[in-house]
């Protein structure tokens, strides 16, 4: 009788253990893929700030990206490798986020009778919808500057600097961009902090404080660094 009871109790424990491990794995892959994007947006922000150096320097930087690794790599080979890594990281990040959200929703089988607007709930919702907003913006951004190279003013699309100026000289495009950057900053703030927790980097009070300060600082630097270029274009400081 005792042996049978033990055997019957074992499968749920094993199943639960596997589910926990799978959830931890998803959180780790989400954290790592997110940190890849942090590195990318920092490098991308640096490139955008080249606009302050003027037309020739900005376009020279854009062309330099296509020649990295030559002659070992073909022309623009480095960019295609970087794109492949980013696409893979994006797929992993979105898949992990969607799967974890579905699991959390299934685990909460009974809705709260009293809706509590806690900070954690707000942060979670902001991460979810902020992520969707950033994803939609990314599609437009690629069409605007990389894939389609859409110039709403009808100007040249093969000149990176002029395309940038024409885009952000259009007020409503600048507004869209700034809203997206605000969402990006909020996403980075919460995401970097969550990633440090997932990766076990917040074991002490000192490390937790450092992680929070780092997350906030990086979020402000990246969102602010991306935002100043369109603002300065709109007000004519950066121009053709």
Protein backbone atom coordinates (compact mmCIF):
# COMPACT_ATOMS: atom_id res chain seq x y z
CA UNK A 1 0.00 0.00 0.00
CA UNK A 2 2.77 2.42 0.96
CA UNK A 3 4.77 1.49 -2.14
CA UNK A 4 1.80 2.10 -4.40
CA UNK A 5 1.15 5.50 -2.81
CA UNK A 6 4.78 6.51 -3.35
CA UNK A 7 4.67 5.40 -6.99
CA UNK A 8 1.46 7.36 -7.59
CA UNK A 9 2.97 10.47 -5.99
CA UNK A 10 6.16 10.39 -8.08
CA UNK A 11 4.93 11.40 -11.58
CA UNK A 12 3.42 14.77 -10.55
CA UNK A 13 6.66 15.69 -8.77
CA UNK A 14 8.77 14.81 -11.78
CA UNK A 15 6.36 16.62 -14.10
CA UNK A 16 6.47 19.70 -11.91
CA UNK A 17 10.25 19.61 -11.79
CA UNK A 18 10.44 19.46 -15.59
CA UNK A 19 7.99 22.33 -15.94
CA UNK A 20 10.04 24.42 -13.51
CA UNK A 21 13.26 23.67 -15.38
CA UNK A 22 11.61 24.53 -18.69
CA UNK A 23 10.35 27.83 -17.28
CA UNK A 24 13.79 28.67 -15.93
CA UNK A 25 15.32 27.83 -19.32
CA UNK A 26 12.84 30.13 -21.09
CA UNK A 27 13.62 32.94 -18.66
CA UNK A 28 17.36 32.48 -19.23
CA UNK A 29 17.02 32.49 -23.03
CA UNK A 30 14.81 35.55 -22.77
CA UNK A 31 17.40 37.31 -20.59
CA UNK A 32 20.34 36.42 -22.85
CA UNK A 33 18.53 37.38 -26.06
CA UNK A 34 17.46 40.62 -24.41
CA UNK A 35 21.05 41.46 -23.46
CA UNK A 36 22.09 40.87 -27.08
CA UNK A 37 19.61 43.58 -28.05
CA UNK A 38 20.98 45.90 -25.36
CA UNK A 39 24.42 45.61 -26.95
CA UNK A 40 22.93 46.21 -30.39
CA UNK A 41 20.93 49.32 -29.45
CA UNK A 42 23.98 50.82 -27.75
CA UNK A 43 26.00 50.37 -30.95
CA UNK A 44 23.08 51.62 -33.07
CA UNK A 45 22.68 54.68 -30.86
CA UNK A 46 26.39 55.49 -31.30
CA UNK A 47 25.93 55.31 -35.06
CA UNK A 48 22.88 57.60 -34.98
CA UNK A 49 24.80 60.22 -33.01
CA UNK A 50 27.22 60.46 -35.95
CA UNK A 51 24.51 62.66 -37.51
CA UNK A 52 25.86 65.52 -35.39
CA UNK A 53 29.16 65.26 -37.31
CA UNK A 54 27.44 66.10 -40.59
CA UNK A 55 26.51 64.53 -43.90
CA UNK A 56 29.87 63.10 -44.98
CA UNK A 57 30.88 61.62 -41.62
CA UNK A 58 27.48 59.99 -41.13
CA UNK A 59 27.48 58.45 -44.61
CA UNK A 60 31.09 57.35 -44.23
CA UNK A 61 30.15 55.52 -41.02
CA UNK A 62 27.17 53.88 -42.76
CA UNK A 63 29.44 52.67 -45.57
CA UNK A 64 32.11 51.52 -43.10
CA UNK A 65 29.60 49.08 -41.60
CA UNK A 66 29.40 47.39 -44.99
CA UNK A 67 33.16 46.94 -45.27
CA UNK A 68 33.84 45.45 -41.82
CA UNK A 69 35.67 42.13 -42.16
CA UNK A 70 36.75 42.58 -45.78
CA UNK A 71 38.39 40.79 -47.54
CA UNK A 72 37.71 37.79 -45.28
CA UNK A 73 34.00 38.56 -45.41
CA UNK A 74 32.18 39.67 -48.57
CA UNK A 75 30.89 43.23 -48.89
CA UNK A 76 28.18 43.77 -46.26
CA UNK A 77 28.90 40.27 -44.93
CA UNK A 78 29.27 41.50 -41.34
CA UNK A 79 25.89 43.23 -41.54
CA UNK A 80 24.19 40.04 -42.73
CA UNK A 81 25.77 38.03 -39.92
CA UNK A 82 24.63 40.66 -37.40
CA UNK A 83 21.12 40.62 -38.90
CA UNK A 84 20.95 36.82 -38.67
CA UNK A 85 21.98 36.91 -35.01
CA UNK A 86 19.44 39.66 -34.24
CA UNK A 87 16.61 37.85 -36.05
CA UNK A 88 17.39 34.66 -34.12
CA UNK A 89 17.53 36.62 -30.84
CA UNK A 90 14.22 38.32 -31.69
CA UNK A 91 12.48 35.01 -32.44
CA UNK A 92 13.79 33.47 -29.20
CA UNK A 93 12.88 36.55 -27.16
CA UNK A 94 9.32 36.80 -28.51
CA UNK A 95 8.72 33.06 -28.26
CA UNK A 96 9.97 32.91 -24.66
CA UNK A 97 7.90 35.97 -23.67
CA UNK A 98 4.71 34.62 -25.28
CA UNK A 99 5.17 31.15 -23.77
CA UNK A 100 5.82 32.48 -20.26
CA UNK A 101 2.79 34.79 -20.53
CA UNK A 102 0.54 31.89 -21.60
CA UNK A 103 1.80 29.73 -18.73
CA UNK A 104 1.18 32.48 -16.21
CA UNK A 105 -2.32 32.99 -17.60
CA UNK A 106 -3.12 29.26 -17.40
CA UNK A 107 -1.77 29.07 -13.85
CA UNK A 108 -4.18 31.81 -12.76
CA UNK A 109 -7.38 29.82 -13.26
CA UNK A 110 -9.51 32.05 -11.00
CA UNK A 111 -9.70 35.78 -11.66
CA UNK A 112 -9.23 38.17 -8.79
CA UNK A 113 -12.54 39.41 -7.39
CA UNK A 114 -10.89 42.68 -6.43
CA UNK A 115 -8.54 44.06 -9.03
CA UNK A 116 -5.38 45.31 -7.38
CA UNK A 117 -3.38 47.84 -9.36
CA UNK A 118 0.01 47.00 -7.93
CA UNK A 119 3.35 48.17 -9.30
CA UNK A 120 4.24 44.64 -10.36
CA UNK A 121 1.04 44.27 -12.41
CA UNK A 122 1.60 47.65 -14.08
CA UNK A 123 5.22 46.79 -14.90
CA UNK A 124 4.17 43.44 -16.33
CA UNK A 125 1.50 45.01 -18.55
CA UNK A 126 3.88 47.75 -19.64
CA UNK A 127 6.48 45.13 -20.61
CA UNK A 128 3.89 43.16 -22.59
CA UNK A 129 2.29 46.00 -24.51
CA UNK A 130 5.54 47.94 -24.70
CA UNK A 131 7.10 44.91 -26.36
CA UNK A 132 4.27 44.76 -28.91
CA UNK A 133 4.65 48.50 -29.60
CA UNK A 134 8.42 48.14 -30.09
CA UNK A 135 7.90 45.15 -32.41
CA UNK A 136 5.44 47.10 -34.60
CA UNK A 137 7.79 50.09 -34.62
CA UNK A 138 10.69 47.83 -35.62
CA UNK A 139 8.76 46.69 -38.71
CA UNK A 140 8.18 50.31 -39.77
CA UNK A 141 11.75 51.30 -38.91
CA UNK A 142 13.16 48.57 -41.16
CA UNK A 143 10.83 49.59 -43.99
CA UNK A 144 11.78 53.22 -43.49
CA UNK A 145 15.57 52.93 -43.26
CA UNK A 146 16.75 49.46 -44.29
CA UNK A 147 14.48 47.25 -46.41
CA UNK A 148 12.18 49.61 -48.27
CA UNK A 149 13.97 52.89 -47.56
CA UNK A 150 10.76 54.92 -47.60
CA UNK A 151 11.22 58.67 -47.87
CA UNK A 152 7.88 60.32 -47.11
CA UNK A 153 9.17 63.58 -48.63
CA UNK A 154 9.98 61.88 -51.90
CA UNK A 155 13.69 62.61 -51.66
CA UNK A 156 16.66 60.34 -52.30
CA UNK A 157 16.63 56.99 -50.49
CA UNK A 158 20.22 55.96 -51.27
CA UNK A 159 21.69 58.70 -49.08
CA UNK A 160 21.48 57.63 -45.39
CA UNK A 161 22.00 61.12 -43.97
CA UNK A 162 19.42 62.85 -46.19
CA UNK A 163 16.93 60.03 -45.58
CA UNK A 164 17.37 60.49 -41.83
CA UNK A 165 16.88 64.27 -42.04
CA UNK A 166 13.84 63.99 -44.33
CA UNK A 167 12.27 61.44 -41.99
CA UNK A 168 12.68 63.37 -38.75
CA UNK A 169 11.92 66.68 -40.38
CA UNK A 170 8.38 65.27 -40.62
CA UNK A 171 6.79 66.06 -37.25
CA UNK A 172 4.44 63.09 -37.00
CA UNK A 173 7.22 60.61 -37.75
CA UNK A 174 9.30 62.20 -35.01
CA UNK A 175 6.39 61.87 -32.56
CA UNK A 176 6.01 58.17 -33.42
CA UNK A 177 9.74 57.68 -32.97
CA UNK A 178 9.81 59.44 -29.59
CA UNK A 179 6.85 57.41 -28.29
CA UNK A 180 8.64 54.23 -29.38
CA UNK A 181 11.82 55.37 -27.62
CA UNK A 182 9.87 56.04 -24.41
CA UNK A 183 8.49 52.49 -24.63
CA UNK A 184 11.99 51.19 -25.33
CA UNK A 185 13.35 52.96 -22.26
CA UNK A 186 10.63 51.50 -20.01
CA UNK A 187 11.15 48.05 -21.56
CA UNK A 188 14.91 48.23 -21.02
CA UNK A 189 14.57 49.48 -17.45
CA UNK A 190 12.41 46.56 -16.36
CA UNK A 191 14.01 44.05 -18.74
CA UNK A 192 17.63 44.63 -17.72
CA UNK A 193 16.67 44.41 -14.05
CA UNK A 194 14.75 41.18 -14.66
CA UNK A 195 17.65 39.74 -16.68
CA UNK A 196 20.13 40.35 -13.88
CA UNK A 197 17.77 38.57 -11.48
CA UNK A 198 17.31 35.62 -13.84
CA UNK A 199 21.06 35.26 -14.36
CA UNK A 200 21.68 35.27 -10.60
CA UNK A 201 23.48 38.61 -10.44
CA UNK A 202 21.40 40.06 -7.59
CA UNK A 203 22.34 37.79 -4.71
CA UNK A 204 23.18 40.58 -2.28
CA UNK A 205 21.66 43.94 -1.37
CA UNK A 206 24.65 45.71 -2.93
CA UNK A 207 24.37 43.80 -6.22
CA UNK A 208 20.59 44.39 -6.35
CA UNK A 209 21.11 48.12 -5.92
CA UNK A 210 23.83 48.12 -8.57
CA UNK A 211 21.60 46.17 -10.98
CA UNK A 212 18.68 48.60 -10.48
CA UNK A 213 20.91 51.64 -10.97
CA UNK A 214 22.52 50.08 -14.05
CA UNK A 215 19.14 49.24 -15.57
CA UNK A 216 17.84 52.77 -15.01
CA UNK A 217 21.04 54.43 -16.30
CA UNK A 218 21.20 52.33 -19.46
CA UNK A 219 17.50 52.89 -20.15
CA UNK A 220 17.89 56.68 -19.86
CA UNK A 221 21.10 56.77 -21.93
CA UNK A 222 19.72 54.62 -24.75
CA UNK A 223 16.24 56.18 -24.94
CA UNK A 224 17.71 59.67 -24.58
CA UNK A 225 20.53 59.04 -27.05
CA UNK A 226 18.09 57.84 -29.70
CA UNK A 227 15.68 60.71 -29.04
CA UNK A 228 18.02 63.69 -29.33
CA UNK A 229 18.75 63.12 -33.04
CA UNK A 230 15.11 63.39 -34.25
CA UNK A 231 14.48 66.29 -31.86
CA UNK A 232 17.50 68.22 -33.17
CA UNK A 233 16.49 67.44 -36.76
CA UNK A 234 12.93 68.69 -36.14
CA UNK A 235 14.26 71.95 -34.72
CA UNK A 236 16.74 72.43 -37.57
CA UNK A 237 19.99 71.90 -35.65
CA UNK A 238 20.76 68.84 -37.79
CA UNK A 239 19.92 69.67 -41.41
CA UNK A 240 20.99 69.15 -45.00
